Every structure is written in structure tokens, then in C-alpha cells.
Protein backbone atom coordinates (compact mmCIF):
# COMPACT_ATOMS: atom_id res chain seq x y z
CA LEU A 1 37.06 11.57 -28.31
CA VAL A 2 38.16 8.55 -29.05
CA LEU A 3 38.46 6.05 -26.04
CA PRO A 4 40.86 3.07 -25.87
CA ASP A 5 38.73 -0.36 -26.47
CA GLN A 6 38.93 -1.19 -22.82
CA LEU A 7 38.02 1.94 -21.28
CA SER A 8 33.90 3.22 -21.27
CA LEU A 9 32.10 6.14 -20.08
CA PHE A 10 28.40 6.12 -18.56
CA ASP A 11 26.05 8.90 -17.94
CA ASN A 12 26.08 8.08 -14.42
CA ALA A 13 26.78 6.20 -11.63
CA ALA A 14 24.14 3.62 -11.55
CA GLU A 15 25.00 2.91 -15.41
CA CYS A 16 28.27 2.26 -14.43
CA CYS A 17 27.63 0.03 -11.71
CA ARG A 18 25.23 -2.04 -13.39
CA LYS A 19 27.06 -2.30 -16.90
CA GLY A 20 30.99 -2.14 -15.56
CA LEU A 21 31.28 -3.68 -12.20
CA PRO A 22 28.79 -6.73 -11.94
CA TRP A 23 30.93 -8.38 -9.27
CA MET A 24 29.68 -5.50 -7.24
CA ARG A 25 26.40 -5.07 -5.75
CA GLU A 26 24.69 -2.11 -7.29
CA ILE A 27 23.54 -0.20 -4.05
CA VAL A 28 27.31 -0.46 -2.63
CA CYS A 29 28.86 0.63 -5.71
CA GLU A 30 26.42 3.64 -6.26
CA ALA A 31 26.85 4.65 -2.81
CA LEU A 32 30.85 4.66 -2.89
CA SER A 33 30.73 5.88 -6.43
CA THR A 34 28.70 9.31 -5.26
CA GLY A 35 30.77 10.00 -1.94
CA GLN A 36 28.04 8.17 0.45
CA THR A 37 28.22 5.11 2.84
CA PRO A 38 26.64 2.12 1.69
CA ILE A 39 23.41 1.42 3.91
CA GLY A 40 22.05 -2.05 2.93
CA THR A 41 18.93 -3.38 2.29
CA ARG A 42 17.55 -4.71 5.63
CA MET A 43 17.34 -7.88 4.11
CA TRP A 44 18.44 -11.52 5.77
CA TYR A 45 21.38 -13.73 4.10
CA VAL A 46 23.49 -16.61 5.08
CA ASP A 47 26.57 -15.89 7.49
CA TRP A 48 28.47 -19.04 6.32
CA GLU A 49 31.33 -18.22 8.76
CA ARG A 50 29.36 -17.72 11.49
CA GLU A 51 26.25 -20.21 10.56
CA ARG A 52 23.61 -17.64 10.92
CA CYS A 53 21.17 -15.11 9.23
CA ILE A 54 22.40 -11.59 9.50
CA GLN A 55 21.03 -8.43 7.93
CA ASP A 56 22.15 -6.57 5.50
CA CYS A 57 23.00 -3.07 7.27
CA VAL A 58 25.93 -1.80 8.84
CA GLU A 59 24.43 -0.27 12.11
CA ASP A 60 25.69 -2.29 15.40
CA GLU A 61 22.86 -5.03 15.49
CA CYS A 62 23.45 -5.94 11.38
CA GLY A 63 26.15 -8.12 10.17
CA GLY A 64 27.43 -5.87 7.48
CA ILE A 65 26.97 -5.38 3.87
CA ALA A 66 25.87 -8.02 1.92
CA ASN A 67 27.84 -9.53 -1.39
CA VAL A 68 26.66 -9.49 -4.86
CA TRP A 69 26.56 -13.80 -4.35
CA ASP A 70 24.89 -13.62 -1.13
CA TYR A 71 21.01 -14.75 -1.71
CA MET A 72 18.47 -12.40 0.07
CA TYR A 73 15.72 -12.75 2.03
CA ASP A 74 12.73 -10.37 3.17
CA ASP A 75 12.73 -12.13 6.95
CA ILE A 76 14.94 -13.76 9.12
CA LYS A 77 12.58 -17.01 9.22
CA LYS A 78 12.68 -17.63 5.56
CA CYS A 79 16.67 -17.00 5.78
CA CYS A 80 16.84 -19.69 8.62
CA ASP A 81 14.73 -22.45 7.12
């Protein structure tokens, strides 16, 4: 099978996400690629529009899934410093 230069095949979703879709967070890309809902890491990041630290998760008390460019913190104190 000969593929066009711009088309790549990967052995699994993780490899595809890592090598083929670098603008997406791997955890989100893998979940969406395998029919699952992204759940996040439960780490903290700054939401500059809301001007506060929020948690990377999808439950009601969370702020939503962080973007690939968001810097992640282990706890809220480090996020807000």
C-alpha cells in the first residue's frame, strides 16, 4: 500500500495523537479517538478569562479540560501564587 506523503498511519491512538496532532492534549486526543469522554487530570491551571485557577476535569465543580498550552500545577496554591 502506497500512501500520499501527507498521510500517515499509526499503530495506535496514542502514537497518532503524539506524532500527528501535537496541538491537542494527548489525554483528550486519545479519549476522543477511542470513543471515550475526556476526563482531565484533576490538576490546576489558570483560566485567564475568569481570572482564577480552575481544575482540569469535566465534573460540575471543575473548569473544563485544559488546553495543550495551559501550564498545569499540582495544587491550587501553586497555581494561584
